Amino acid sequence: LMCVFFCGGSCVEDVSTHLMRHLSCHPKLRTCSADTIL
């Protein structure tokens, strides 16, 4: 959820629709979907 706002997003859904492929590049730290956050 933090990554949403630190990447310029405005709502929870942005993590799935816009950011997942970028955040998932980190080799160790996992990013979950908007549904999991909700």
All heavy atoms as atom14 arrays in JSON, in Angstrom:
{
  "sequence": "LMCVFFCGGSCVEDVSTHLMRHLSCHPKLRTCSADTIL",
  "atom14_mask": [
    [1, 1, 1, 1, 1, 1, 1, 1, 0, 0, 0, 0, 0, 0],
    [1, 1, 1, 1, 1, 1, 1, 1, 0, 0, 0, 0, 0, 0],
    [1, 1, 1, 1, 1, 1, 0, 0, 0, 0, 0, 0, 0, 0],
    [1, 1, 1, 1, 1, 1, 1, 0, 0, 0, 0, 0, 0, 0],
    [1, 1, 1, 1, 1, 1, 1, 1, 1, 1, 1, 0, 0, 0],
    [1, 1, 1, 1, 1, 1, 1, 1, 1, 1, 1, 0, 0, 0],
    [1, 1, 1, 1, 1, 1, 0, 0, 0, 0, 0, 0, 0, 0],
    [1, 1, 1, 1, 0, 0, 0, 0, 0, 0, 0, 0, 0, 0],
    [1, 1, 1, 1, 0, 0, 0, 0, 0, 0, 0, 0, 0, 0],
    [1, 1, 1, 1, 1, 1, 0, 0, 0, 0, 0, 0, 0, 0],
    [1, 1, 1, 1, 1, 1, 0, 0, 0, 0, 0, 0, 0, 0],
    [1, 1, 1, 1, 1, 1, 1, 0, 0, 0, 0, 0, 0, 0],
    [1, 1, 1, 1, 1, 1, 1, 1, 1, 0, 0, 0, 0, 0],
    [1, 1, 1, 1, 1, 1, 1, 1, 0, 0, 0, 0, 0, 0],
    [1, 1, 1, 1, 1, 1, 1, 0, 0, 0, 0, 0, 0, 0],
    [1, 1, 1, 1, 1, 1, 0, 0, 0, 0, 0, 0, 0, 0],
    [1, 1, 1, 1, 1, 1, 1, 0, 0, 0, 0, 0, 0, 0],
    [1, 1, 1, 1, 1, 1, 1, 1, 1, 1, 0, 0, 0, 0],
    [1, 1, 1, 1, 1, 1, 1, 1, 0, 0, 0, 0, 0, 0],
    [1, 1, 1, 1, 1, 1, 1, 1, 0, 0, 0, 0, 0, 0],
    [1, 1, 1, 1, 1, 1, 1, 1, 1, 1, 1, 0, 0, 0],
    [1, 1, 1, 1, 1, 1, 1, 1, 1, 1, 0, 0, 0, 0],
    [1, 1, 1, 1, 1, 1, 1, 1, 0, 0, 0, 0, 0, 0],
    [1, 1, 1, 1, 1, 1, 0, 0, 0, 0, 0, 0, 0, 0],
    [1, 1, 1, 1, 1, 1, 0, 0, 0, 0, 0, 0, 0, 0],
    [1, 1, 1, 1, 1, 1, 1, 1, 1, 1, 0, 0, 0, 0],
    [1, 1, 1, 1, 1, 1, 1, 0, 0, 0, 0, 0, 0, 0],
    [1, 1, 1, 1, 1, 1, 1, 1, 1, 0, 0, 0, 0, 0],
    [1, 1, 1, 1, 1, 1, 1, 1, 0, 0, 0, 0, 0, 0],
    [1, 1, 1, 1, 1, 1, 1, 1, 1, 1, 1, 0, 0, 0],
    [1, 1, 1, 1, 1, 1, 1, 0, 0, 0, 0, 0, 0, 0],
    [1, 1, 1, 1, 1, 1, 0, 0, 0, 0, 0, 0, 0, 0],
    [1, 1, 1, 1, 1, 1, 0, 0, 0, 0, 0, 0, 0, 0],
    [1, 1, 1, 1, 1, 0, 0, 0, 0, 0, 0, 0, 0, 0],
    [1, 1, 1, 1, 1, 1, 1, 1, 0, 0, 0, 0, 0, 0],
    [1, 1, 1, 1, 1, 1, 1, 0, 0, 0, 0, 0, 0, 0],
    [1, 1, 1, 1, 1, 1, 1, 1, 0, 0, 0, 0, 0, 0],
    [1, 1, 1, 1, 1, 1, 1, 1, 0, 0, 0, 0, 0, 0]
  ],
  "atom14_positions": [
    [[0.83, -1.2, 0.0], [0.0, 0.0, 0.0], [0.87, 1.26, 0.0], [0.55, 2.24, -0.68], [-0.94, -0.01, 1.21], [-1.9, 1.17, 1.35], [-2.83, 1.28, 0.14], [-2.72, 1.08, 2.63], [0.0, 0.0, 0.0], [0.0, 0.0, 0.0], [0.0, 0.0, 0.0], [0.0, 0.0, 0.0], [0.0, 0.0, 0.0], [0.0, 0.0, 0.0]],
    [[1.96, 1.22, 0.75], [2.88, 2.35, 0.76], [3.37, 2.67, -0.64], [3.45, 3.83, -1.06], [4.06, 2.05, 1.68], [5.15, 3.13, 1.67], [6.78, 2.56, 1.83], [7.13, 1.44, 0.58], [0.0, 0.0, 0.0], [0.0, 0.0, 0.0], [0.0, 0.0, 0.0], [0.0, 0.0, 0.0], [0.0, 0.0, 0.0], [0.0, 0.0, 0.0]],
    [[3.71, 1.62, -1.4], [4.24, 1.82, -2.74], [3.25, 2.53, -3.66], [3.65, 3.25, -4.58], [4.64, 0.48, -3.35], [6.1, -0.27, -2.57], [0.0, 0.0, 0.0], [0.0, 0.0, 0.0], [0.0, 0.0, 0.0], [0.0, 0.0, 0.0], [0.0, 0.0, 0.0], [0.0, 0.0, 0.0], [0.0, 0.0, 0.0], [0.0, 0.0, 0.0]],
    [[1.96, 2.34, -3.43], [0.95, 3.03, -4.23], [1.18, 4.54, -4.17], [1.29, 5.22, -5.2], [-0.47, 2.68, -3.75], [-1.5, 3.6, -4.43], [-0.79, 1.22, -4.03], [0.0, 0.0, 0.0], [0.0, 0.0, 0.0], [0.0, 0.0, 0.0], [0.0, 0.0, 0.0], [0.0, 0.0, 0.0], [0.0, 0.0, 0.0], [0.0, 0.0, 0.0]],
    [[1.27, 5.09, -2.95], [1.39, 6.53, -2.78], [2.79, 7.03, -3.1], [2.96, 8.14, -3.6], [0.96, 6.91, -1.36], [-0.42, 6.45, -1.03], [-0.64, 5.43, -0.12], [-1.52, 7.0, -1.65], [-1.91, 4.98, 0.18], [-2.81, 6.56, -1.36], [-2.99, 5.55, -0.45], [0.0, 0.0, 0.0], [0.0, 0.0, 0.0], [0.0, 0.0, 0.0]],
    [[3.8, 6.2, -2.85], [5.17, 6.6, -3.16], [5.47, 6.55, -4.65], [6.52, 7.03, -5.08], [6.16, 5.72, -2.39], [6.42, 6.19, -0.98], [5.42, 6.18, -0.03], [7.66, 6.65, -0.6], [5.66, 6.61, 1.27], [7.91, 7.08, 0.69], [6.91, 7.06, 1.63], [0.0, 0.0, 0.0], [0.0, 0.0, 0.0], [0.0, 0.0, 0.0]],
    [[4.59, 5.96, -5.43], [4.75, 5.94, -6.88], [3.73, 6.82, -7.59], [3.56, 6.72, -8.81], [4.67, 4.51, -7.4], [6.06, 3.45, -6.94], [0.0, 0.0, 0.0], [0.0, 0.0, 0.0], [0.0, 0.0, 0.0], [0.0, 0.0, 0.0], [0.0, 0.0, 0.0], [0.0, 0.0, 0.0], [0.0, 0.0, 0.0], [0.0, 0.0, 0.0]],
    [[3.02, 7.65, -6.82], [2.09, 8.6, -7.43], [0.68, 8.12, -7.6], [-0.13, 8.8, -8.24], [0.0, 0.0, 0.0], [0.0, 0.0, 0.0], [0.0, 0.0, 0.0], [0.0, 0.0, 0.0], [0.0, 0.0, 0.0], [0.0, 0.0, 0.0], [0.0, 0.0, 0.0], [0.0, 0.0, 0.0], [0.0, 0.0, 0.0], [0.0, 0.0, 0.0]],
    [[0.34, 6.93, -7.05], [-1.01, 6.42, -7.15], [-1.97, 7.15, -6.21], [-1.55, 7.91, -5.34], [0.0, 0.0, 0.0], [0.0, 0.0, 0.0], [0.0, 0.0, 0.0], [0.0, 0.0, 0.0], [0.0, 0.0, 0.0], [0.0, 0.0, 0.0], [0.0, 0.0, 0.0], [0.0, 0.0, 0.0], [0.0, 0.0, 0.0], [0.0, 0.0, 0.0]],
    [[-3.25, 6.89, -6.38], [-4.25, 7.58, -5.56], [-5.25, 6.64, -4.91], [-6.04, 7.07, -4.08], [-5.02, 8.6, -6.42], [-5.67, 7.95, -7.52], [0.0, 0.0, 0.0], [0.0, 0.0, 0.0], [0.0, 0.0, 0.0], [0.0, 0.0, 0.0], [0.0, 0.0, 0.0], [0.0, 0.0, 0.0], [0.0, 0.0, 0.0], [0.0, 0.0, 0.0]],
    [[-5.24, 5.36, -5.29], [-6.18, 4.4, -4.7], [-5.54, 3.02, -4.67], [-4.56, 2.75, -5.36], [-7.5, 4.38, -5.49], [-7.33, 3.85, -7.2], [0.0, 0.0, 0.0], [0.0, 0.0, 0.0], [0.0, 0.0, 0.0], [0.0, 0.0, 0.0], [0.0, 0.0, 0.0], [0.0, 0.0, 0.0], [0.0, 0.0, 0.0], [0.0, 0.0, 0.0]],
    [[-6.14, 2.14, -3.88], [-5.59, 0.8, -3.67], [-5.44, 0.06, -4.99], [-4.45, -0.65, -5.24], [-6.47, 0.0, -2.69], [-5.97, -1.43, -2.56], [-6.53, 0.68, -1.33], [0.0, 0.0, 0.0], [0.0, 0.0, 0.0], [0.0, 0.0, 0.0], [0.0, 0.0, 0.0], [0.0, 0.0, 0.0], [0.0, 0.0, 0.0], [0.0, 0.0, 0.0]],
    [[-6.42, 0.2, -5.89], [-6.42, -0.56, -7.15], [-5.21, -0.26, -8.03], [-4.85, -1.07, -8.9], [-7.71, -0.28, -7.93], [-8.96, -0.93, -7.36], [-9.47, -0.25, -6.09], [-9.04, 0.9, -5.82], [-10.29, -0.87, -5.37], [0.0, 0.0, 0.0], [0.0, 0.0, 0.0], [0.0, 0.0, 0.0], [0.0, 0.0, 0.0], [0.0, 0.0, 0.0]],
    [[-4.55, 0.88, -7.81], [-3.41, 1.23, -8.65], [-2.27, 0.22, -8.55], [-1.49, 0.07, -9.48], [-2.89, 2.62, -8.27], [-3.79, 3.74, -8.76], [-4.58, 3.5, -9.7], [-3.73, 4.86, -8.2], [0.0, 0.0, 0.0], [0.0, 0.0, 0.0], [0.0, 0.0, 0.0], [0.0, 0.0, 0.0], [0.0, 0.0, 0.0], [0.0, 0.0, 0.0]],
    [[-2.17, -0.48, -7.41], [-1.08, -1.43, -7.26], [-1.21, -2.59, -8.24], [-0.22, -3.11, -8.75], [-0.99, -1.96, -5.8], [-2.13, -2.91, -5.47], [0.35, -2.64, -5.55], [0.0, 0.0, 0.0], [0.0, 0.0, 0.0], [0.0, 0.0, 0.0], [0.0, 0.0, 0.0], [0.0, 0.0, 0.0], [0.0, 0.0, 0.0], [0.0, 0.0, 0.0]],
    [[-2.43, -2.99, -8.55], [-2.66, -4.08, -9.5], [-2.69, -3.59, -10.94], [-2.12, -4.23, -11.83], [-3.97, -4.8, -9.17], [-3.88, -5.49, -7.94], [0.0, 0.0, 0.0], [0.0, 0.0, 0.0], [0.0, 0.0, 0.0], [0.0, 0.0, 0.0], [0.0, 0.0, 0.0], [0.0, 0.0, 0.0], [0.0, 0.0, 0.0], [0.0, 0.0, 0.0]],
    [[-3.34, -2.47, -11.17], [-3.56, -2.02, -12.55], [-2.34, -1.34, -13.16], [-2.14, -1.39, -14.38], [-4.76, -1.06, -12.61], [-4.55, 0.02, -11.72], [-6.05, -1.78, -12.24], [0.0, 0.0, 0.0], [0.0, 0.0, 0.0], [0.0, 0.0, 0.0], [0.0, 0.0, 0.0], [0.0, 0.0, 0.0], [0.0, 0.0, 0.0], [0.0, 0.0, 0.0]],
    [[-1.49, -0.69, -12.36], [-0.4, 0.1, -12.91], [0.99, -0.25, -12.4], [1.98, -0.07, -13.11], [-0.64, 1.59, -12.64], [-1.93, 2.11, -13.18], [-2.27, 2.04, -14.51], [-2.98, 2.71, -12.57], [-3.47, 2.57, -14.71], [-3.92, 2.97, -13.55], [0.0, 0.0, 0.0], [0.0, 0.0, 0.0], [0.0, 0.0, 0.0], [0.0, 0.0, 0.0]],
    [[1.11, -0.75, -11.19], [2.41, -0.81, -10.53], [2.99, -2.2, -10.34], [4.2, -2.33, -10.09], [2.33, -0.11, -9.15], [1.95, 1.37, -9.17], [1.71, 1.86, -7.74], [3.04, 2.18, -9.84], [0.0, 0.0, 0.0], [0.0, 0.0, 0.0], [0.0, 0.0, 0.0], [0.0, 0.0, 0.0], [0.0, 0.0, 0.0], [0.0, 0.0, 0.0]],
    [[2.19, -3.23, -10.42], [2.65, -4.57, -10.04], [3.9, -5.0, -10.82], [4.86, -5.53, -10.25], [1.53, -5.59, -10.22], [1.92, -7.0, -9.78], [2.3, -7.09, -8.01], [0.65, -7.0, -7.33], [0.0, 0.0, 0.0], [0.0, 0.0, 0.0], [0.0, 0.0, 0.0], [0.0, 0.0, 0.0], [0.0, 0.0, 0.0], [0.0, 0.0, 0.0]],
    [[3.91, -4.81, -12.13], [5.05, -5.3, -12.92], [6.34, -4.56, -12.58], [7.43, -5.1, -12.75], [4.75, -5.19, -14.42], [4.63, -3.79, -14.98], [4.21, -3.83, -16.43], [4.15, -2.51, -17.05], [5.16, -1.96, -17.71], [6.3, -2.63, -17.84], [5.03, -0.76, -18.25], [0.0, 0.0, 0.0], [0.0, 0.0, 0.0], [0.0, 0.0, 0.0]],
    [[6.22, -3.32, -12.08], [7.41, -2.57, -11.68], [7.88, -2.98, -10.29], [9.07, -3.24, -10.07], [7.12, -1.06, -11.71], [6.68, -0.56, -13.04], [7.54, -0.47, -14.12], [5.47, -0.12, -13.48], [6.88, 0.0, -15.17], [5.62, 0.23, -14.8], [0.0, 0.0, 0.0], [0.0, 0.0, 0.0], [0.0, 0.0, 0.0], [0.0, 0.0, 0.0]],
    [[6.97, -3.08, -9.35], [7.34, -3.42, -7.98], [7.83, -4.85, -7.86], [8.68, -5.17, -7.02], [6.14, -3.2, -7.05], [5.57, -1.77, -7.01], [4.32, -1.72, -6.14], [6.61, -0.77, -6.52], [0.0, 0.0, 0.0], [0.0, 0.0, 0.0], [0.0, 0.0, 0.0], [0.0, 0.0, 0.0], [0.0, 0.0, 0.0], [0.0, 0.0, 0.0]],
    [[7.31, -5.73, -8.72], [7.7, -7.14, -8.68], [9.13, -7.36, -9.17], [9.65, -8.48, -9.07], [6.73, -7.99, -9.51], [5.42, -7.91, -8.98], [0.0, 0.0, 0.0], [0.0, 0.0, 0.0], [0.0, 0.0, 0.0], [0.0, 0.0, 0.0], [0.0, 0.0, 0.0], [0.0, 0.0, 0.0], [0.0, 0.0, 0.0], [0.0, 0.0, 0.0]],
    [[9.76, -6.34, -9.7], [11.14, -6.47, -10.15], [12.1, -6.69, -8.99], [13.2, -7.22, -9.2], [11.57, -5.22, -10.93], [10.74, -5.01, -12.52], [0.0, 0.0, 0.0], [0.0, 0.0, 0.0], [0.0, 0.0, 0.0], [0.0, 0.0, 0.0], [0.0, 0.0, 0.0], [0.0, 0.0, 0.0], [0.0, 0.0, 0.0], [0.0, 0.0, 0.0]],
    [[11.72, -6.25, -7.79], [12.62, -6.43, -6.66], [12.87, -7.92, -6.44], [11.92, -8.71, -6.4], [12.04, -5.8, -5.39], [13.07, -5.61, -4.32], [13.59, -6.67, -3.6], [13.69, -4.49, -3.85], [14.49, -6.21, -2.73], [14.56, -4.88, -2.86], [0.0, 0.0, 0.0], [0.0, 0.0, 0.0], [0.0, 0.0, 0.0], [0.0, 0.0, 0.0]],
    [[14.12, -8.32, -6.32], [14.42, -9.75, -6.26], [13.98, -10.46, -4.99], [13.88, -11.69, -4.97], [15.95, -9.79, -6.39], [16.41, -8.45, -5.92], [15.34, -7.48, -6.33], [0.0, 0.0, 0.0], [0.0, 0.0, 0.0], [0.0, 0.0, 0.0], [0.0, 0.0, 0.0], [0.0, 0.0, 0.0], [0.0, 0.0, 0.0], [0.0, 0.0, 0.0]],
    [[13.73, -9.73, -3.92], [13.39, -10.39, -2.66], [12.05, -9.96, -2.08], [11.32, -10.79, -1.54], [14.5, -10.1, -1.63], [15.75, -10.93, -1.83], [16.64, -10.87, -0.63], [17.78, -11.86, -0.74], [18.66, -11.87, 0.45], [0.0, 0.0, 0.0], [0.0, 0.0, 0.0], [0.0, 0.0, 0.0], [0.0, 0.0, 0.0], [0.0, 0.0, 0.0]],
    [[11.73, -8.69, -2.15], [10.53, -8.17, -1.49], [9.3, -8.36, -2.36], [9.28, -7.96, -3.53], [10.71, -6.7, -1.13], [11.91, -6.39, -0.21], [11.99, -4.9, 0.07], [11.81, -7.18, 1.08], [0.0, 0.0, 0.0], [0.0, 0.0, 0.0], [0.0, 0.0, 0.0], [0.0, 0.0, 0.0], [0.0, 0.0, 0.0], [0.0, 0.0, 0.0]],
    [[8.27, -8.97, -1.8], [7.06, -9.28, -2.54], [6.04, -8.15, -2.45], [5.95, -7.45, -1.45], [6.43, -10.57, -2.01], [7.34, -11.79, -2.04], [6.58, -13.04, -1.64], [5.99, -12.93, -0.31], [5.14, -13.82, 0.2], [4.75, -14.86, -0.52], [4.66, -13.66, 1.43], [0.0, 0.0, 0.0], [0.0, 0.0, 0.0], [0.0, 0.0, 0.0]],
    [[5.27, -8.02, -3.51], [4.18, -7.05, -3.56], [2.88, -7.79, -3.8], [2.8, -8.64, -4.7], [4.4, -6.01, -4.67], [5.63, -5.3, -4.42], [3.24, -5.02, -4.73], [0.0, 0.0, 0.0], [0.0, 0.0, 0.0], [0.0, 0.0, 0.0], [0.0, 0.0, 0.0], [0.0, 0.0, 0.0], [0.0, 0.0, 0.0], [0.0, 0.0, 0.0]],
    [[1.87, -7.48, -3.02], [0.59, -8.18, -3.14], [-0.39, -7.36, -3.98], [-0.18, -6.19, -4.28], [-0.01, -8.46, -1.77], [-0.49, -6.99, -0.84], [0.0, 0.0, 0.0], [0.0, 0.0, 0.0], [0.0, 0.0, 0.0], [0.0, 0.0, 0.0], [0.0, 0.0, 0.0], [0.0, 0.0, 0.0], [0.0, 0.0, 0.0], [0.0, 0.0, 0.0]],
    [[-1.48, -7.99, -4.35], [-2.49, -7.35, -5.2], [-3.41, -6.45, -4.38], [-3.43, -6.49, -3.15], [-3.33, -8.42, -5.89], [-4.13, -9.12, -4.93], [0.0, 0.0, 0.0], [0.0, 0.0, 0.0], [0.0, 0.0, 0.0], [0.0, 0.0, 0.0], [0.0, 0.0, 0.0], [0.0, 0.0, 0.0], [0.0, 0.0, 0.0], [0.0, 0.0, 0.0]],
    [[-4.2, -5.65, -5.09], [-5.19, -4.8, -4.44], [-6.21, -5.62, -3.67], [-6.64, -5.24, -2.57], [-5.88, -3.92, -5.48], [0.0, 0.0, 0.0], [0.0, 0.0, 0.0], [0.0, 0.0, 0.0], [0.0, 0.0, 0.0], [0.0, 0.0, 0.0], [0.0, 0.0, 0.0], [0.0, 0.0, 0.0], [0.0, 0.0, 0.0], [0.0, 0.0, 0.0]],
    [[-6.62, -6.75, -4.21], [-7.59, -7.61, -3.53], [-7.07, -8.09, -2.18], [-7.81, -8.15, -1.2], [-7.96, -8.81, -4.41], [-8.81, -8.42, -5.6], [-9.42, -7.34, -5.57], [-8.87, -9.21, -6.57], [0.0, 0.0, 0.0], [0.0, 0.0, 0.0], [0.0, 0.0, 0.0], [0.0, 0.0, 0.0], [0.0, 0.0, 0.0], [0.0, 0.0, 0.0]],
    [[-5.79, -8.43, -2.12], [-5.2, -8.87, -0.85], [-5.18, -7.73, 0.16], [-5.46, -7.94, 1.35], [-3.77, -9.4, -1.09], [-3.81, -10.47, -2.03], [-3.15, -9.89, 0.21], [0.0, 0.0, 0.0], [0.0, 0.0, 0.0], [0.0, 0.0, 0.0], [0.0, 0.0, 0.0], [0.0, 0.0, 0.0], [0.0, 0.0, 0.0], [0.0, 0.0, 0.0]],
    [[-4.84, -6.54, -0.28], [-4.85, -5.37, 0.61], [-6.25, -5.14, 1.18], [-6.43, -4.93, 2.38], [-4.35, -4.11, -0.12], [-2.89, -4.28, -0.53], [-4.51, -2.88, 0.76], [-2.36, -3.15, -1.4], [0.0, 0.0, 0.0], [0.0, 0.0, 0.0], [0.0, 0.0, 0.0], [0.0, 0.0, 0.0], [0.0, 0.0, 0.0], [0.0, 0.0, 0.0]],
    [[-7.25, -5.21, 0.33], [-8.63, -4.97, 0.75], [-9.1, -6.06, 1.72], [-9.83, -5.76, 2.68], [-9.55, -4.89, -0.46], [-9.3, -3.68, -1.39], [-10.12, -3.8, -2.67], [-9.63, -2.38, -0.67], [0.0, 0.0, 0.0], [0.0, 0.0, 0.0], [0.0, 0.0, 0.0], [0.0, 0.0, 0.0], [0.0, 0.0, 0.0], [0.0, 0.0, 0.0]]
  ]
}
